[in-house]
Amino acid sequence: MANPDRPCLHENFDAFVEVNRVTASDDAPTVVGYHADIKVNCHDCDEPFRWTGLQAGLSMSGPMCSVDETELRAPLRPASADPDFGLGLPGFAVRYREA
């Protein structure tokens, strides 16, 4: 049980992984890519952990994170697939700009 007068030591963790199949379209079930969405929380206090050093968005050419940095979005491919499998698919990036 967490003590509210002492900060949590974050010694135990829960990881949540969702692997997604990216299809050509809603009408075309051909899989053109995969990506894993990964979240990590402290098991004892339920505090979410944030991914550092990543741009917010979604890309099939490299890992990115959610806007709140709590979800890693990482493209992946079967070991038997060509190295360029999934590359070239559209994605998006969120950029912060001061007004």
PDB file of N, CA and C in Angstrom:
ATOM      1  N   MET A   1       0.845  -1.188   0.000  1.00  0.00           N
ATOM      2  CA  MET A   1       0.000   0.000   0.000  1.00  0.00           C
ATOM      3  C   MET A   1       0.884   1.242   0.000  1.00  0.00           C
ATOM      4  N   ALA A   2       0.594   2.178  -0.893  1.00  0.00           N
ATOM      5  CA  ALA A   2       1.380   3.406  -0.991  1.00  0.00           C
ATOM      6  C   ALA A   2       1.080   4.331   0.181  1.00  0.00           C
ATOM      7  N   ASN A   3       2.134   4.947   0.724  1.00  0.00           N
ATOM      8  CA  ASN A   3       2.004   5.898   1.813  1.00  0.00           C
ATOM      9  C   ASN A   3       1.966   7.302   1.206  1.00  0.00           C
ATOM     10  N   PRO A   4       0.871   8.063   1.392  1.00  0.00           N
ATOM     11  CA  PRO A   4       0.759   9.387   0.776  1.00  0.00           C
ATOM     12  C   PRO A   4       1.776  10.400   1.312  1.00  0.00           C
ATOM     13  N   ASP A   5       2.424  10.097   2.470  1.00  0.00           N
ATOM     14  CA  ASP A   5       3.417  11.014   3.041  1.00  0.00           C
ATOM     15  C   ASP A   5       4.826  10.745   2.523  1.00  0.00           C
ATOM     16  N   ARG A   6       5.015   9.660   1.787  1.00  0.00           N
ATOM     17  CA  ARG A   6       6.323   9.333   1.218  1.00  0.00           C
ATOM     18  C   ARG A   6       6.168   9.091  -0.273  1.00  0.00           C
ATOM     19  N   PRO A   7       7.087   9.639  -1.079  1.00  0.00           N
ATOM     20  CA  PRO A   7       6.988   9.391  -2.521  1.00  0.00           C
ATOM     21  C   PRO A   7       7.189   7.909  -2.840  1.00  0.00           C
ATOM     22  N   CYS A   8       6.529   7.481  -3.873  1.00  0.00           N
ATOM     23  CA  CYS A   8       6.642   6.083  -4.308  1.00  0.00           C
ATOM     24  C   CYS A   8       8.046   5.840  -4.853  1.00  0.00           C
ATOM     25  N   LEU A   9       8.607   4.682  -4.573  1.00  0.00           N
ATOM     26  CA  LEU A   9       9.937   4.321  -5.061  1.00  0.00           C
ATOM     27  C   LEU A   9       9.900   3.737  -6.476  1.00  0.00           C
ATOM     28  N   HIS A  10       8.716   3.524  -7.014  1.00  0.00           N
ATOM     29  CA  HIS A  10       8.541   2.979  -8.373  1.00  0.00           C
ATOM     30  C   HIS A  10       9.399   1.725  -8.565  1.00  0.00           C
ATOM     31  N   GLU A  11       9.107   0.696  -7.792  1.00  0.00           N
ATOM     32  CA  GLU A  11       9.875  -0.550  -7.863  1.00  0.00           C
ATOM     33  C   GLU A  11       9.189  -1.647  -8.660  1.00  0.00           C
ATOM     34  N   ASN A  12       7.893  -1.503  -8.908  1.00  0.00           N
ATOM     35  CA  ASN A  12       7.130  -2.520  -9.629  1.00  0.00           C
ATOM     36  C   ASN A  12       6.354  -1.839 -10.755  1.00  0.00           C
ATOM     37  N   PHE A  13       6.250  -2.532 -11.882  1.00  0.00           N
ATOM     38  CA  PHE A  13       5.678  -1.893 -13.063  1.00  0.00           C
ATOM     39  C   PHE A  13       4.653  -2.778 -13.758  1.00  0.00           C
ATOM     40  N   ASP A  14       3.745  -2.129 -14.463  1.00  0.00           N
ATOM     41  CA  ASP A  14       2.808  -2.789 -15.365  1.00  0.00           C
ATOM     42  C   ASP A  14       3.068  -2.223 -16.752  1.00  0.00           C
ATOM     43  N   ALA A  15       3.200  -3.093 -17.732  1.00  0.00           N
ATOM     44  CA  ALA A  15       3.392  -2.662 -19.117  1.00  0.00           C
ATOM     45  C   ALA A  15       2.207  -3.143 -19.932  1.00  0.00           C
ATOM     46  N   PHE A  16       1.688  -2.285 -20.754  1.00  0.00           N
ATOM     47  CA  PHE A  16       0.546  -2.589 -21.601  1.00  0.00           C
ATOM     48  C   PHE A  16       0.981  -2.437 -23.049  1.00  0.00           C
ATOM     49  N   VAL A  17       0.868  -3.495 -23.827  1.00  0.00           N
ATOM     50  CA  VAL A  17       1.307  -3.490 -25.214  1.00  0.00           C
ATOM     51  C   VAL A  17       0.138  -3.865 -26.113  1.00  0.00           C
ATOM     52  N   GLU A  18      -0.079  -3.055 -27.132  1.00  0.00           N
ATOM     53  CA  GLU A  18      -1.101  -3.342 -28.147  1.00  0.00           C
ATOM     54  C   GLU A  18      -0.401  -3.345 -29.500  1.00  0.00           C
ATOM     55  N   VAL A  19      -0.504  -4.457 -30.222  1.00  0.00           N
ATOM     56  CA  VAL A  19       0.082  -4.547 -31.554  1.00  0.00           C
ATOM     57  C   VAL A  19      -1.032  -4.343 -32.572  1.00  0.00           C
ATOM     58  N   ASN A  20      -0.807  -3.398 -33.475  1.00  0.00           N
ATOM     59  CA  ASN A  20      -1.821  -3.030 -34.459  1.00  0.00           C
ATOM     60  C   ASN A  20      -1.405  -3.439 -35.856  1.00  0.00           C
ATOM     61  N   ARG A  21      -2.371  -3.927 -36.614  1.00  0.00           N
ATOM     62  CA  ARG A  21      -2.174  -4.246 -38.028  1.00  0.00           C
ATOM     63  C   ARG A  21      -2.685  -3.066 -38.835  1.00  0.00           C
ATOM     64  N   VAL A  22      -1.836  -2.532 -39.721  1.00  0.00           N
ATOM     65  CA  VAL A  22      -2.211  -1.412 -40.571  1.00  0.00           C
ATOM     66  C   VAL A  22      -2.595  -1.981 -41.930  1.00  0.00           C
ATOM     67  N   THR A  23      -3.833  -1.715 -42.363  1.00  0.00           N
ATOM     68  CA  THR A  23      -4.303  -2.233 -43.651  1.00  0.00           C
ATOM     69  C   THR A  23      -4.320  -1.127 -44.697  1.00  0.00           C
ATOM     70  N   ALA A  24      -4.359  -1.522 -45.950  1.00  0.00           N
ATOM     71  CA  ALA A  24      -4.340  -0.571 -47.061  1.00  0.00           C
ATOM     72  C   ALA A  24      -5.523   0.406 -46.970  1.00  0.00           C
ATOM     73  N   SER A  25      -6.690  -0.085 -46.569  1.00  0.00           N
ATOM     74  CA  SER A  25      -7.872   0.752 -46.371  1.00  0.00           C
ATOM     75  C   SER A  25      -8.900  -0.082 -45.623  1.00  0.00           C
ATOM     76  N   ASP A  26     -10.017   0.539 -45.288  1.00  0.00           N
ATOM     77  CA  ASP A  26     -11.087  -0.206 -44.616  1.00  0.00           C
ATOM     78  C   ASP A  26     -11.650  -1.297 -45.521  1.00  0.00           C
ATOM     79  N   ASP A  27     -11.602  -1.061 -46.833  1.00  0.00           N
ATOM     80  CA  ASP A  27     -12.152  -2.021 -47.789  1.00  0.00           C
ATOM     81  C   ASP A  27     -11.124  -3.049 -48.255  1.00  0.00           C
ATOM     82  N   ALA A  28      -9.844  -2.769 -48.054  1.00  0.00           N
ATOM     83  CA  ALA A  28      -8.779  -3.672 -48.506  1.00  0.00           C
ATOM     84  C   ALA A  28      -8.051  -4.234 -47.289  1.00  0.00           C
ATOM     85  N   PRO A  29      -8.286  -5.484 -46.946  1.00  0.00           N
ATOM     86  CA  PRO A  29      -7.717  -6.050 -45.725  1.00  0.00           C
ATOM     87  C   PRO A  29      -6.227  -6.413 -45.799  1.00  0.00           C
ATOM     88  N   THR A  30      -5.554  -6.068 -46.902  1.00  0.00           N
ATOM     89  CA  THR A  30      -4.136  -6.373 -47.034  1.00  0.00           C
ATOM     90  C   THR A  30      -3.335  -5.602 -45.985  1.00  0.00           C
ATOM     91  N   VAL A  31      -2.554  -6.318 -45.186  1.00  0.00           N
ATOM     92  CA  VAL A  31      -1.736  -5.682 -44.150  1.00  0.00           C
ATOM     93  C   VAL A  31      -0.508  -5.044 -44.799  1.00  0.00           C
ATOM     94  N   VAL A  32      -0.328  -3.751 -44.547  1.00  0.00           N
ATOM     95  CA  VAL A  32       0.798  -3.016 -45.131  1.00  0.00           C
ATOM     96  C   VAL A  32       1.777  -2.532 -44.057  1.00  0.00           C
ATOM     97  N   GLY A  33       1.485  -2.807 -42.803  1.00  0.00           N
ATOM     98  CA  GLY A  33       2.389  -2.421 -41.722  1.00  0.00           C
ATOM     99  C   GLY A  33       1.856  -2.856 -40.371  1.00  0.00           C
ATOM    100  N   TYR A  34       2.733  -2.766 -39.378  1.00  0.00           N
ATOM    101  CA  TYR A  34       2.384  -3.075 -37.992  1.00  0.00           C
ATOM    102  C   TYR A  34       3.013  -2.013 -37.108  1.00  0.00           C
ATOM    103  N   HIS A  35       2.380  -1.743 -35.964  1.00  0.00           N
ATOM    104  CA  HIS A  35       3.049  -0.916 -34.967  1.00  0.00           C
ATOM    105  C   HIS A  35       2.562  -1.323 -33.591  1.00  0.00           C
ATOM    106  N   ALA A  36       3.443  -1.146 -32.619  1.00  0.00           N
ATOM    107  CA  ALA A  36       3.131  -1.481 -31.234  1.00  0.00           C
ATOM    108  C   ALA A  36       2.963  -0.196 -30.438  1.00  0.00           C
ATOM    109  N   ASP A  37       1.916  -0.143 -29.640  1.00  0.00           N
ATOM    110  CA  ASP A  37       1.686   0.969 -28.723  1.00  0.00           C
ATOM    111  C   ASP A  37       1.973   0.444 -27.320  1.00  0.00           C
ATOM    112  N   ILE A  38       2.875   1.090 -26.609  1.00  0.00           N
ATOM    113  CA  ILE A  38       3.337   0.589 -25.315  1.00  0.00           C
ATOM    114  C   ILE A  38       3.172   1.665 -24.249  1.00  0.00           C
ATOM    115  N   LYS A  39       2.526   1.297 -23.136  1.00  0.00           N
ATOM    116  CA  LYS A  39       2.370   2.175 -21.979  1.00  0.00           C
ATOM    117  C   LYS A  39       2.957   1.467 -20.758  1.00  0.00           C
ATOM    118  N   VAL A  40       3.564   2.236 -19.848  1.00  0.00           N
ATOM    119  CA  VAL A  40       4.131   1.694 -18.616  1.00  0.00           C
ATOM    120  C   VAL A  40       3.631   2.536 -17.452  1.00  0.00           C
ATOM    121  N   ASN A  41       3.107   1.860 -16.428  1.00  0.00           N
ATOM    122  CA  ASN A  41       2.657   2.516 -15.197  1.00  0.00           C
ATOM    123  C   ASN A  41       3.351   1.876 -14.011  1.00  0.00           C
ATOM    124  N   CYS A  42       3.518   2.653 -12.928  1.00  0.00           N
ATOM    125  CA  CYS A  42       3.986   2.084 -11.670  1.00  0.00           C
ATOM    126  C   CYS A  42       2.869   1.204 -11.124  1.00  0.00           C
ATOM    127  N   HIS A  43       3.199  -0.010 -10.779  1.00  0.00           N
ATOM    128  CA  HIS A  43       2.191  -0.940 -10.260  1.00  0.00           C
ATOM    129  C   HIS A  43       1.681  -0.494  -8.885  1.00  0.00           C
ATOM    130  N   ASP A  44       2.556   0.123  -8.088  1.00  0.00           N
ATOM    131  CA  ASP A  44       2.200   0.467  -6.706  1.00  0.00           C
ATOM    132  C   ASP A  44       1.363   1.735  -6.588  1.00  0.00           C
ATOM    133  N   CYS A  45       1.669   2.761  -7.388  1.00  0.00           N
ATOM    134  CA  CYS A  45       0.926   4.023  -7.258  1.00  0.00           C
ATOM    135  C   CYS A  45       0.146   4.386  -8.516  1.00  0.00           C
ATOM    136  N   ASP A  46       0.290   3.602  -9.577  1.00  0.00           N
ATOM    137  CA  ASP A  46      -0.415   3.779 -10.849  1.00  0.00           C
ATOM    138  C   ASP A  46       0.033   5.022 -11.630  1.00  0.00           C
ATOM    139  N   GLU A  47       1.141   5.641 -11.244  1.00  0.00           N
ATOM    140  CA  GLU A  47       1.626   6.794 -11.990  1.00  0.00           C
ATOM    141  C   GLU A  47       2.111   6.351 -13.366  1.00  0.00           C
ATOM    142  N   PRO A  48       1.686   7.046 -14.424  1.00  0.00           N
ATOM    143  CA  PRO A  48       2.184   6.698 -15.760  1.00  0.00           C
ATOM    144  C   PRO A  48       3.618   7.175 -15.937  1.00  0.00           C
ATOM    145  N   PHE A  49       4.378   6.429 -16.723  1.00  0.00           N
ATOM    146  CA  PHE A  49       5.727   6.835 -17.079  1.00  0.00           C
ATOM    147  C   PHE A  49       5.681   7.496 -18.451  1.00  0.00           C
ATOM    148  N   ARG A  50       6.609   8.420 -18.693  1.00  0.00           N
ATOM    149  CA  ARG A  50       6.659   9.161 -19.949  1.00  0.00           C
ATOM    150  C   ARG A  50       7.881   8.736 -20.758  1.00  0.00           C
ATOM    151  N   TRP A  51       7.713   8.674 -22.076  1.00  0.00           N
ATOM    152  CA  TRP A  51       8.804   8.351 -22.990  1.00  0.00           C
ATOM    153  C   TRP A  51       9.558   9.636 -23.287  1.00  0.00           C
ATOM    154  N   THR A  52      10.865   9.607 -23.205  1.00  0.00           N
ATOM    155  CA  THR A  52      11.659  10.808 -23.414  1.00  0.00           C
ATOM    156  C   THR A  52      12.413  10.748 -24.739  1.00  0.00           C
ATOM    157  N   GLY A  53      12.667  11.927 -25.289  1.00  0.00           N
ATOM    158  CA  GLY A  53      13.481  12.034 -26.492  1.00  0.00           C
ATOM    159  C   GLY A  53      12.775  11.711 -27.789  1.00  0.00           C
ATOM    160  N   LEU A  54      11.451  11.615 -27.767  1.00  0.00           N
ATOM    161  CA  LEU A  54      10.701  11.279 -28.973  1.00  0.00           C
ATOM    162  C   LEU A  54       9.760  12.410 -29.361  1.00  0.00           C
ATOM    163  N   GLN A  55       9.572  12.599 -30.650  1.00  0.00           N
ATOM    164  CA  GLN A  55       8.601  13.555 -31.154  1.00  0.00           C
ATOM    165  C   GLN A  55       7.208  12.945 -31.059  1.00  0.00           C
ATOM    166  N   ALA A  56       6.209  13.760 -30.835  1.00  0.00           N
ATOM    167  CA  ALA A  56       4.833  13.293 -30.776  1.00  0.00           C
ATOM    168  C   ALA A  56       4.285  13.069 -32.177  1.00  0.00           C
ATOM    169  N   GLY A  57       3.556  11.970 -32.359  1.00  0.00           N
ATOM    170  CA  GLY A  57       2.936  11.666 -33.646  1.00  0.00           C
ATOM    171  C   GLY A  57       2.914  10.175 -33.898  1.00  0.00           C
ATOM    172  N   LEU A  58       2.891   9.812 -35.176  1.00  0.00           N
ATOM    173  CA  LEU A  58       2.876   8.410 -35.600  1.00  0.00           C
ATOM    174  C   LEU A  58       3.630   8.313 -36.915  1.00  0.00           C
ATOM    175  N   SER A  59       4.581   7.398 -36.987  1.00  0.00           N
ATOM    176  CA  SER A  59       5.370   7.218 -38.197  1.00  0.00           C
ATOM    177  C   SER A  59       5.691   5.743 -38.366  1.00  0.00           C
ATOM    178  N   MET A  60       5.711   5.281 -39.598  1.00  0.00           N
ATOM    179  CA  MET A  60       6.090   3.898 -39.861  1.00  0.00           C
ATOM    180  C   MET A  60       7.590   3.779 -40.113  1.00  0.00           C
ATOM    181  N   SER A  61       8.332   4.893 -40.015  1.00  0.00           N
ATOM    182  CA  SER A  61       9.775   4.828 -40.234  1.00  0.00           C
ATOM    183  C   SER A  61      10.584   4.958 -38.944  1.00  0.00           C
ATOM    184  N   GLY A  62       9.925   5.204 -37.819  1.00  0.00           N
ATOM    185  CA  GLY A  62      10.646   5.293 -36.556  1.00  0.00           C
ATOM    186  C   GLY A  62       9.699   5.501 -35.399  1.00  0.00           C
ATOM    187  N   PRO A  63      10.172   5.266 -34.172  1.00  0.00           N
ATOM    188  CA  PRO A  63       9.303   5.416 -33.008  1.00  0.00           C
ATOM    189  C   PRO A  63       8.959   6.868 -32.726  1.00  0.00           C
ATOM    190  N   MET A  64       7.746   7.071 -32.238  1.00  0.00           N
ATOM    191  CA  MET A  64       7.256   8.379 -31.821  1.00  0.00           C
ATOM    192  C   MET A  64       6.434   8.145 -30.555  1.00  0.00           C
ATOM    193  N   CYS A  65       5.887   9.195 -29.981  1.00  0.00           N
ATOM    194  CA  CYS A  65       5.073   9.020 -28.776  1.00  0.00           C
ATOM    195  C   CYS A  65       3.791   9.832 -28.888  1.00  0.00           C
ATOM    196  N   SER A  66       2.879   9.560 -27.945  1.00  0.00           N
ATOM    197  CA  SER A  66       1.632  10.320 -27.876  1.00  0.00           C
ATOM    198  C   SER A  66       1.942  11.742 -27.404  1.00  0.00           C
ATOM    199  N   VAL A  67       0.996  12.650 -27.558  1.00  0.00           N
ATOM    200  CA  VAL A  67       1.193  14.044 -27.182  1.00  0.00           C
ATOM    201  C   VAL A  67       1.532  14.171 -25.700  1.00  0.00           C
ATOM    202  N   ASP A  68       0.941  13.334 -24.857  1.00  0.00           N
ATOM    203  CA  ASP A  68       1.240  13.407 -23.419  1.00  0.00           C
ATOM    204  C   ASP A  68       2.453  12.560 -23.027  1.00  0.00           C
ATOM    205  N   GLU A  69       3.133  11.981 -23.995  1.00  0.00           N
ATOM    206  CA  GLU A  69       4.365  11.199 -23.850  1.00  0.00           C
ATOM    207  C   GLU A  69       4.199   9.892 -23.066  1.00  0.00           C
ATOM    208  N   THR A  70       2.971   9.450 -22.817  1.00  0.00           N
ATOM    209  CA  THR A  70       2.771   8.238 -22.023  1.00  0.00           C
ATOM    210  C   THR A  70       2.656   6.972 -22.872  1.00  0.00           C
ATOM    211  N   GLU A  71       2.625   7.106 -24.195  1.00  0.00           N
ATOM    212  CA  GLU A  71       2.487   5.950 -25.077  1.00  0.00           C
ATOM    213  C   GLU A  71       3.573   5.983 -26.150  1.00  0.00           C
ATOM    214  N   LEU A  72       4.363   4.933 -26.206  1.00  0.00           N
ATOM    215  CA  LEU A  72       5.344   4.772 -27.274  1.00  0.00           C
ATOM    216  C   LEU A  72       4.630   4.166 -28.467  1.00  0.00           C
ATOM    217  N   ARG A  73       4.852   4.715 -29.631  1.00  0.00           N
ATOM    218  CA  ARG A  73       4.266   4.195 -30.872  1.00  0.00           C
ATOM    219  C   ARG A  73       5.424   3.778 -31.768  1.00  0.00           C
ATOM    220  N   ALA A  74       5.651   2.474 -31.849  1.00  0.00           N
ATOM    221  CA  ALA A  74       6.838   1.965 -32.535  1.00  0.00           C
ATOM    222  C   ALA A  74       6.449   1.053 -33.694  1.00  0.00           C
ATOM    223  N   PRO A  75       6.943   1.355 -34.899  1.00  0.00           N
ATOM    224  CA  PRO A  75       6.672   0.462 -36.028  1.00  0.00           C
ATOM    225  C   PRO A  75       7.492  -0.815 -35.869  1.00  0.00           C
ATOM    226  N   LEU A  76       6.956  -1.900 -36.392  1.00  0.00           N
ATOM    227  CA  LEU A  76       7.685  -3.158 -36.396  1.00  0.00           C
ATOM    228  C   LEU A  76       7.262  -3.974 -37.597  1.00  0.00           C
ATOM    229  N   ARG A  77       8.049  -5.018 -37.894  1.00  0.00           N
ATOM    230  CA  ARG A  77       7.768  -5.873 -39.046  1.00  0.00           C
ATOM    231  C   ARG A  77       8.156  -7.292 -38.696  1.00  0.00           C
ATOM    232  N   PRO A  78       7.541  -8.266 -39.358  1.00  0.00           N
ATOM    233  CA  PRO A  78       7.958  -9.654 -39.147  1.00  0.00           C
ATOM    234  C   PRO A  78       9.422  -9.815 -39.555  1.00  0.00           C
ATOM    235  N   ALA A  79      10.132 -10.694 -38.892  1.00  0.00           N
ATOM    236  CA  ALA A  79      11.538 -10.930 -39.203  1.00  0.00           C
ATOM    237  C   ALA A  79      11.725 -11.365 -40.652  1.00  0.00           C
ATOM    238  N   SER A  80      10.726 -12.017 -41.220  1.00  0.00           N
ATOM    239  CA  SER A  80      10.826 -12.501 -42.598  1.00  0.00           C
ATOM    240  C   SER A  80      10.503 -11.432 -43.649  1.00  0.00           C
ATOM    241  N   ALA A  81      10.033 -10.254 -43.218  1.00  0.00           N
ATOM    242  CA  ALA A  81       9.630  -9.198 -44.158  1.00  0.00           C
ATOM    243  C   ALA A  81      10.843  -8.422 -44.664  1.00  0.00           C
ATOM    244  N   ASP A  82      10.689  -7.820 -45.834  1.00  0.00           N
ATOM    245  CA  ASP A  82      11.734  -6.962 -46.388  1.00  0.00           C
ATOM    246  C   ASP A  82      11.998  -5.794 -45.432  1.00  0.00           C
ATOM    247  N   PRO A  83      13.233  -5.294 -45.378  1.00  0.00           N
ATOM    248  CA  PRO A  83      13.559  -4.179 -44.492  1.00  0.00           C
ATOM    249  C   PRO A  83      12.734  -2.918 -44.738  1.00  0.00           C
ATOM    250  N   ASP A  84      12.201  -2.746 -45.953  1.00  0.00           N
ATOM    251  CA  ASP A  84      11.401  -1.557 -46.243  1.00  0.00           C
ATOM    252  C   ASP A  84       9.903  -1.778 -46.036  1.00  0.00           C
ATOM    253  N   PHE A  85       9.516  -2.921 -45.453  1.00  0.00           N
ATOM    254  CA  PHE A  85       8.100  -3.216 -45.207  1.00  0.00           C
ATOM    255  C   PHE A  85       7.495  -2.118 -44.329  1.00  0.00           C
ATOM    256  N   GLY A  86       6.417  -1.519 -44.784  1.00  0.00           N
ATOM    257  CA  GLY A  86       5.698  -0.495 -44.029  1.00  0.00           C
ATOM    258  C   GLY A  86       6.205   0.914 -44.234  1.00  0.00           C
ATOM    259  N   LEU A  87       7.380   1.056 -44.800  1.00  0.00           N
ATOM    260  CA  LEU A  87       7.908   2.401 -45.021  1.00  0.00           C
ATOM    261  C   LEU A  87       7.114   3.089 -46.130  1.00  0.00           C
ATOM    262  N   GLY A  88       7.018   4.380 -46.057  1.00  0.00           N
ATOM    263  CA  GLY A  88       6.293   5.136 -47.066  1.00  0.00           C
ATOM    264  C   GLY A  88       4.833   5.352 -46.725  1.00  0.00           C
ATOM    265  N   LEU A  89       4.349   4.731 -45.652  1.00  0.00           N
ATOM    266  CA  LEU A  89       2.957   4.958 -45.246  1.00  0.00           C
ATOM    267  C   LEU A  89       2.841   6.331 -44.593  1.00  0.00           C
ATOM    268  N   PRO A  90       1.708   6.991 -44.756  1.00  0.00           N
ATOM    269  CA  PRO A  90       1.561   8.319 -44.163  1.00  0.00           C
ATOM    270  C   PRO A  90       1.523   8.252 -42.640  1.00  0.00           C
ATOM    271  N   GLY A  91       1.942   9.297 -42.026  1.00  0.00           N
ATOM    272  CA  GLY A  91       1.898   9.434 -40.571  1.00  0.00           C
ATOM    273  C   GLY A  91       1.607  10.882 -40.242  1.00  0.00           C
ATOM    274  N   PHE A  92       1.905  11.284 -39.023  1.00  0.00           N
ATOM    275  CA  PHE A  92       1.725  12.685 -38.645  1.00  0.00           C
ATOM    276  C   PHE A  92       2.679  13.013 -37.505  1.00  0.00           C
ATOM    277  N   ALA A  93       2.977  14.289 -37.372  1.00  0.00           N
ATOM    278  CA  ALA A  93       3.831  14.772 -36.291  1.00  0.00           C
ATOM    279  C   ALA A  93       3.166  15.978 -35.648  1.00  0.00           C
ATOM    280  N   VAL A  94       3.304  16.080 -34.344  1.00  0.00           N
ATOM    281  CA  VAL A  94       2.782  17.223 -33.610  1.00  0.00           C
ATOM    282  C   VAL A  94       3.985  18.054 -33.191  1.00  0.00           C
ATOM    283  N   ARG A  95       3.980  19.313 -33.574  1.00  0.00           N
ATOM    284  CA  ARG A  95       5.100  20.190 -33.247  1.00  0.00           C
ATOM    285  C   ARG A  95       4.607  21.330 -32.380  1.00  0.00           C
ATOM    286  N   TYR A  96       5.391  21.647 -31.365  1.00  0.00           N
ATOM    287  CA  TYR A  96       5.076  22.768 -30.496  1.00  0.00           C
ATOM    288  C   TYR A  96       5.767  24.024 -31.020  1.00  0.00           C
ATOM    289  N   ARG A  97       5.028  25.104 -31.069  1.00  0.00           N
ATOM    290  CA  ARG A  97       5.580  26.360 -31.544  1.00  0.00           C
ATOM    291  C   ARG A  97       5.073  27.481 -30.646  1.00  0.00           C
ATOM    292  N   GLU A  98       5.991  28.278 -30.117  1.00  0.00           N
ATOM    293  CA  GLU A  98       5.576  29.390 -29.271  1.00  0.00           C
ATOM    294  C   GLU A  98       4.988  30.498 -30.127  1.00  0.00           C
ATOM    295  N   ALA A  99       3.937  31.104 -29.633  1.00  0.00           N
ATOM    296  CA  ALA A  99       3.259  32.163 -30.375  1.00  0.00           C
ATOM    297  C   ALA A  99       3.959  33.494 -30.248  1.00  0.00           C
TER     298      ALA A  99
END
